[in-house]
Amino acid sequence: MAQKKWSQDVTERSDALDLEDSVFKQDDPAKIAASLKRSAEHSKRRKGTPLQSAMGMLNFYINRAGDNLGKGQRQVLEKAKDELREAFGREPKGTHKEKAHG
């Protein structure tokens, strides 16, 4: 049996969050964000705020997947970052300058 990479083991068994199966393989950024939010809010073992924990796990997965992550799935996961910010009541990155004042 092939030995798993340490990053896969962390993703599957992280002390920070109990992740739903295949959360990062979904094709809907909003569903990924909602799943990460649920996991972060229910975790008793996380460090930092729920948003920090969820975003940290998402970034960890993106960085560890590296070139093995297809362009389409990378775009989904990058969009999930904005969805995650919105789920926690924050503005998506870069939108504060685009909004009209009035």
N, C-alpha and C. Protein backbone atom coordinates (compact mmCIF):
# COMPACT_ATOMS: atom_id res chain seq x y z
N MET A 1 0.85 -1.18 0.00
CA MET A 1 0.00 0.00 0.00
C MET A 1 0.89 1.25 0.00
N ALA A 2 0.56 2.20 -0.83
CA ALA A 2 1.37 3.42 -0.93
C ALA A 2 1.24 4.25 0.35
N GLN A 3 2.35 4.83 0.75
CA GLN A 3 2.36 5.66 1.95
C GLN A 3 1.75 7.01 1.63
N LYS A 4 0.87 7.50 2.51
CA LYS A 4 0.25 8.80 2.31
C LYS A 4 1.25 9.91 2.60
N LYS A 5 1.08 11.02 1.92
CA LYS A 5 1.89 12.19 2.21
C LYS A 5 1.41 12.79 3.53
N TRP A 6 2.33 13.43 4.24
CA TRP A 6 1.96 14.02 5.53
C TRP A 6 0.87 15.06 5.37
N SER A 7 0.85 15.79 4.25
CA SER A 7 -0.16 16.83 4.06
C SER A 7 -1.56 16.22 3.91
N GLN A 8 -1.65 15.06 3.26
CA GLN A 8 -2.93 14.39 3.15
C GLN A 8 -3.39 13.94 4.52
N ASP A 9 -2.48 13.45 5.32
CA ASP A 9 -2.81 13.01 6.67
C ASP A 9 -3.31 14.19 7.50
N VAL A 10 -2.66 15.34 7.38
CA VAL A 10 -3.10 16.53 8.12
C VAL A 10 -4.49 16.93 7.68
N THR A 11 -4.73 16.94 6.38
CA THR A 11 -6.04 17.31 5.87
C THR A 11 -7.13 16.38 6.38
N GLU A 12 -6.83 15.10 6.46
CA GLU A 12 -7.82 14.12 6.89
C GLU A 12 -7.98 14.04 8.40
N ARG A 13 -6.90 14.29 9.14
CA ARG A 13 -6.95 14.07 10.58
C ARG A 13 -6.53 15.29 11.40
N SER A 14 -6.71 16.47 10.86
CA SER A 14 -6.26 17.68 11.53
C SER A 14 -6.85 17.83 12.91
N ASP A 15 -6.02 18.28 13.85
CA ASP A 15 -6.52 18.61 15.17
C ASP A 15 -7.30 19.92 15.16
N ALA A 16 -7.12 20.70 14.12
CA ALA A 16 -7.79 21.99 14.06
C ALA A 16 -9.27 21.85 13.71
N LEU A 17 -9.59 21.02 12.74
CA LEU A 17 -10.97 20.89 12.28
C LEU A 17 -11.28 19.44 11.90
N ASP A 18 -12.51 19.04 12.13
CA ASP A 18 -13.00 17.77 11.62
C ASP A 18 -13.71 18.09 10.32
N LEU A 19 -13.08 17.76 9.20
CA LEU A 19 -13.60 18.12 7.89
C LEU A 19 -14.56 17.06 7.36
N GLU A 20 -15.55 17.52 6.59
CA GLU A 20 -16.44 16.60 5.90
C GLU A 20 -15.66 15.92 4.78
N ASP A 21 -16.03 14.69 4.47
CA ASP A 21 -15.35 13.94 3.41
C ASP A 21 -15.39 14.70 2.09
N SER A 22 -14.27 14.75 1.43
CA SER A 22 -14.12 15.34 0.09
C SER A 22 -14.59 16.78 -0.02
N VAL A 23 -14.51 17.53 1.07
CA VAL A 23 -14.98 18.92 1.05
C VAL A 23 -14.27 19.74 -0.02
N PHE A 24 -12.98 19.51 -0.22
CA PHE A 24 -12.23 20.33 -1.17
C PHE A 24 -12.40 19.87 -2.62
N LYS A 25 -13.09 18.79 -2.84
CA LYS A 25 -13.30 18.27 -4.19
C LYS A 25 -14.65 18.72 -4.77
N GLN A 26 -15.45 19.40 -3.98
CA GLN A 26 -16.74 19.89 -4.46
C GLN A 26 -16.54 20.98 -5.51
N ASP A 27 -17.55 21.19 -6.34
CA ASP A 27 -17.42 22.20 -7.39
C ASP A 27 -18.23 23.46 -7.10
N ASP A 28 -18.78 23.58 -5.89
CA ASP A 28 -19.57 24.73 -5.51
C ASP A 28 -18.85 25.47 -4.37
N PRO A 29 -18.30 26.67 -4.65
CA PRO A 29 -17.57 27.40 -3.62
C PRO A 29 -18.40 27.68 -2.37
N ALA A 30 -19.69 27.95 -2.55
CA ALA A 30 -20.56 28.24 -1.39
C ALA A 30 -20.71 27.01 -0.50
N LYS A 31 -20.78 25.82 -1.09
CA LYS A 31 -20.89 24.59 -0.30
C LYS A 31 -19.59 24.30 0.44
N ILE A 32 -18.46 24.57 -0.21
CA ILE A 32 -17.17 24.38 0.45
C ILE A 32 -17.08 25.31 1.66
N ALA A 33 -17.43 26.58 1.45
CA ALA A 33 -17.37 27.57 2.52
C ALA A 33 -18.31 27.20 3.67
N ALA A 34 -19.51 26.77 3.34
CA ALA A 34 -20.48 26.40 4.38
C ALA A 34 -19.98 25.20 5.19
N SER A 35 -19.39 24.25 4.52
CA SER A 35 -18.86 23.07 5.20
C SER A 35 -17.70 23.45 6.13
N LEU A 36 -16.79 24.28 5.64
CA LEU A 36 -15.66 24.73 6.46
C LEU A 36 -16.15 25.55 7.65
N LYS A 37 -17.16 26.37 7.43
CA LYS A 37 -17.71 27.19 8.52
C LYS A 37 -18.30 26.30 9.60
N ARG A 38 -19.10 25.32 9.18
CA ARG A 38 -19.68 24.37 10.15
C ARG A 38 -18.59 23.67 10.94
N SER A 39 -17.59 23.18 10.23
CA SER A 39 -16.50 22.46 10.89
C SER A 39 -15.77 23.35 11.89
N ALA A 40 -15.50 24.58 11.50
CA ALA A 40 -14.77 25.50 12.37
C ALA A 40 -15.58 25.89 13.59
N GLU A 41 -16.88 26.11 13.39
CA GLU A 41 -17.72 26.52 14.52
C GLU A 41 -17.96 25.39 15.51
N HIS A 42 -17.92 24.16 15.05
CA HIS A 42 -18.18 23.03 15.94
C HIS A 42 -16.93 22.43 16.56
N SER A 43 -15.77 22.85 16.08
CA SER A 43 -14.52 22.29 16.58
C SER A 43 -14.20 22.84 17.96
N LYS A 44 -13.83 21.95 18.85
CA LYS A 44 -13.41 22.34 20.20
C LYS A 44 -11.89 22.40 20.27
N ARG A 45 -11.21 22.00 19.19
CA ARG A 45 -9.76 21.88 19.19
C ARG A 45 -9.05 22.93 18.36
N ARG A 46 -9.79 23.83 17.76
CA ARG A 46 -9.16 24.80 16.85
C ARG A 46 -8.36 25.83 17.64
N LYS A 47 -7.44 26.44 16.93
CA LYS A 47 -6.70 27.59 17.46
C LYS A 47 -7.20 28.80 16.69
N GLY A 48 -7.35 29.92 17.35
CA GLY A 48 -7.82 31.12 16.68
C GLY A 48 -9.33 31.13 16.53
N THR A 49 -9.81 32.08 15.74
CA THR A 49 -11.25 32.21 15.51
C THR A 49 -11.71 31.15 14.51
N PRO A 50 -13.02 30.92 14.44
CA PRO A 50 -13.52 29.99 13.43
C PRO A 50 -13.12 30.40 12.01
N LEU A 51 -13.18 31.70 11.70
CA LEU A 51 -12.79 32.16 10.37
C LEU A 51 -11.32 31.87 10.11
N GLN A 52 -10.45 32.16 11.07
CA GLN A 52 -9.02 31.90 10.89
C GLN A 52 -8.76 30.41 10.68
N SER A 53 -9.43 29.58 11.44
CA SER A 53 -9.22 28.13 11.30
C SER A 53 -9.70 27.62 9.95
N ALA A 54 -10.88 28.05 9.54
CA ALA A 54 -11.43 27.61 8.26
C ALA A 54 -10.59 28.10 7.10
N MET A 55 -10.20 29.37 7.13
CA MET A 55 -9.39 29.94 6.05
C MET A 55 -8.01 29.29 6.04
N GLY A 56 -7.47 29.03 7.21
CA GLY A 56 -6.16 28.38 7.29
C GLY A 56 -6.17 27.00 6.67
N MET A 57 -7.23 26.24 6.91
CA MET A 57 -7.32 24.90 6.34
C MET A 57 -7.49 24.97 4.83
N LEU A 58 -8.28 25.92 4.36
CA LEU A 58 -8.47 26.09 2.92
C LEU A 58 -7.15 26.47 2.25
N ASN A 59 -6.44 27.43 2.81
CA ASN A 59 -5.15 27.83 2.26
C ASN A 59 -4.14 26.69 2.32
N PHE A 60 -4.15 25.95 3.40
CA PHE A 60 -3.25 24.80 3.54
C PHE A 60 -3.49 23.81 2.41
N TYR A 61 -4.75 23.51 2.15
CA TYR A 61 -5.06 22.55 1.10
C TYR A 61 -4.61 23.07 -0.26
N ILE A 62 -4.90 24.33 -0.56
CA ILE A 62 -4.51 24.90 -1.85
C ILE A 62 -2.99 24.86 -2.02
N ASN A 63 -2.28 25.26 -0.98
CA ASN A 63 -0.81 25.28 -1.06
C ASN A 63 -0.21 23.89 -1.16
N ARG A 64 -0.74 22.94 -0.43
CA ARG A 64 -0.20 21.58 -0.45
C ARG A 64 -0.51 20.89 -1.77
N ALA A 65 -1.67 21.18 -2.35
CA ALA A 65 -2.03 20.53 -3.61
C ALA A 65 -1.12 21.00 -4.74
N GLY A 66 -0.70 22.26 -4.68
CA GLY A 66 0.24 22.80 -5.65
C GLY A 66 -0.17 22.57 -7.08
N ASP A 67 0.77 22.07 -7.88
CA ASP A 67 0.53 21.85 -9.30
C ASP A 67 -0.44 20.70 -9.58
N ASN A 68 -0.69 19.86 -8.58
CA ASN A 68 -1.62 18.75 -8.76
C ASN A 68 -3.07 19.21 -8.76
N LEU A 69 -3.30 20.46 -8.38
CA LEU A 69 -4.65 21.02 -8.35
C LEU A 69 -4.94 21.62 -9.72
N GLY A 70 -5.96 21.11 -10.37
CA GLY A 70 -6.32 21.61 -11.70
C GLY A 70 -6.76 23.07 -11.65
N LYS A 71 -6.65 23.75 -12.78
CA LYS A 71 -6.98 25.17 -12.85
C LYS A 71 -8.43 25.43 -12.43
N GLY A 72 -9.33 24.60 -12.89
CA GLY A 72 -10.74 24.78 -12.56
C GLY A 72 -11.01 24.63 -11.07
N GLN A 73 -10.44 23.60 -10.46
CA GLN A 73 -10.65 23.38 -9.03
C GLN A 73 -9.96 24.46 -8.20
N ARG A 74 -8.81 24.94 -8.67
CA ARG A 74 -8.13 26.04 -7.96
C ARG A 74 -9.03 27.28 -7.96
N GLN A 75 -9.68 27.57 -9.09
CA GLN A 75 -10.59 28.72 -9.16
C GLN A 75 -11.76 28.56 -8.20
N VAL A 76 -12.29 27.34 -8.13
CA VAL A 76 -13.40 27.07 -7.20
C VAL A 76 -12.94 27.34 -5.77
N LEU A 77 -11.76 26.84 -5.42
CA LEU A 77 -11.26 27.01 -4.05
C LEU A 77 -10.92 28.47 -3.75
N GLU A 78 -10.40 29.20 -4.72
CA GLU A 78 -10.13 30.62 -4.51
C GLU A 78 -11.43 31.38 -4.30
N LYS A 79 -12.47 31.04 -5.06
CA LYS A 79 -13.79 31.66 -4.88
C LYS A 79 -14.37 31.28 -3.52
N ALA A 80 -14.06 30.08 -3.04
CA ALA A 80 -14.54 29.64 -1.73
C ALA A 80 -14.00 30.54 -0.62
N LYS A 81 -12.82 31.14 -0.83
CA LYS A 81 -12.28 32.07 0.17
C LYS A 81 -13.22 33.26 0.34
N ASP A 82 -13.68 33.82 -0.78
CA ASP A 82 -14.63 34.94 -0.70
C ASP A 82 -15.95 34.51 -0.07
N GLU A 83 -16.42 33.33 -0.44
CA GLU A 83 -17.65 32.80 0.13
C GLU A 83 -17.50 32.61 1.64
N LEU A 84 -16.34 32.17 2.06
CA LEU A 84 -16.07 31.95 3.48
C LEU A 84 -16.08 33.29 4.22
N ARG A 85 -15.43 34.29 3.65
CA ARG A 85 -15.46 35.62 4.27
C ARG A 85 -16.89 36.11 4.43
N GLU A 86 -17.68 35.97 3.37
CA GLU A 86 -19.09 36.40 3.42
C GLU A 86 -19.88 35.61 4.46
N ALA A 87 -19.61 34.32 4.56
CA ALA A 87 -20.33 33.47 5.53
C ALA A 87 -20.08 33.92 6.96
N PHE A 88 -18.92 34.53 7.19
CA PHE A 88 -18.58 35.02 8.52
C PHE A 88 -18.86 36.52 8.66
N GLY A 89 -19.59 37.09 7.69
CA GLY A 89 -19.99 38.49 7.78
C GLY A 89 -18.91 39.48 7.39
N ARG A 90 -17.93 39.03 6.66
CA ARG A 90 -16.85 39.91 6.19
C ARG A 90 -17.04 40.17 4.70
N GLU A 91 -16.45 41.27 4.24
CA GLU A 91 -16.49 41.56 2.81
C GLU A 91 -15.49 40.69 2.08
N PRO A 92 -15.84 40.22 0.89
CA PRO A 92 -14.86 39.50 0.08
C PRO A 92 -13.68 40.42 -0.22
N LYS A 93 -12.54 39.85 -0.39
CA LYS A 93 -11.32 40.63 -0.62
C LYS A 93 -11.46 41.52 -1.85
N GLY A 94 -11.11 42.80 -1.69
CA GLY A 94 -11.10 43.72 -2.82
C GLY A 94 -12.41 44.38 -3.13
N THR A 95 -13.50 44.02 -2.46
CA THR A 95 -14.79 44.60 -2.84
C THR A 95 -15.06 45.94 -2.17
N HIS A 96 -14.36 46.26 -1.08
CA HIS A 96 -14.64 47.50 -0.38
C HIS A 96 -14.37 48.74 -1.25
N LYS A 97 -13.47 48.66 -2.20
CA LYS A 97 -13.16 49.79 -3.07
C LYS A 97 -14.14 49.86 -4.24
N GLU A 98 -14.76 48.74 -4.58
CA GLU A 98 -15.62 48.67 -5.75
C GLU A 98 -17.04 49.15 -5.44
N LYS A 99 -17.44 49.12 -4.18
CA LYS A 99 -18.81 49.47 -3.84
C LYS A 99 -19.02 50.98 -3.97
N ALA A 100 -20.16 51.34 -4.49
CA ALA A 100 -20.49 52.76 -4.64
C ALA A 100 -20.98 53.32 -3.32
N HIS A 101 -20.57 54.51 -3.01
CA HIS A 101 -21.05 55.18 -1.80
C HIS A 101 -22.18 56.12 -2.20
N GLY A 102 -23.20 56.18 -1.35
CA GLY A 102 -24.24 57.12 -1.73
C GLY A 102 -25.41 57.06 -0.94
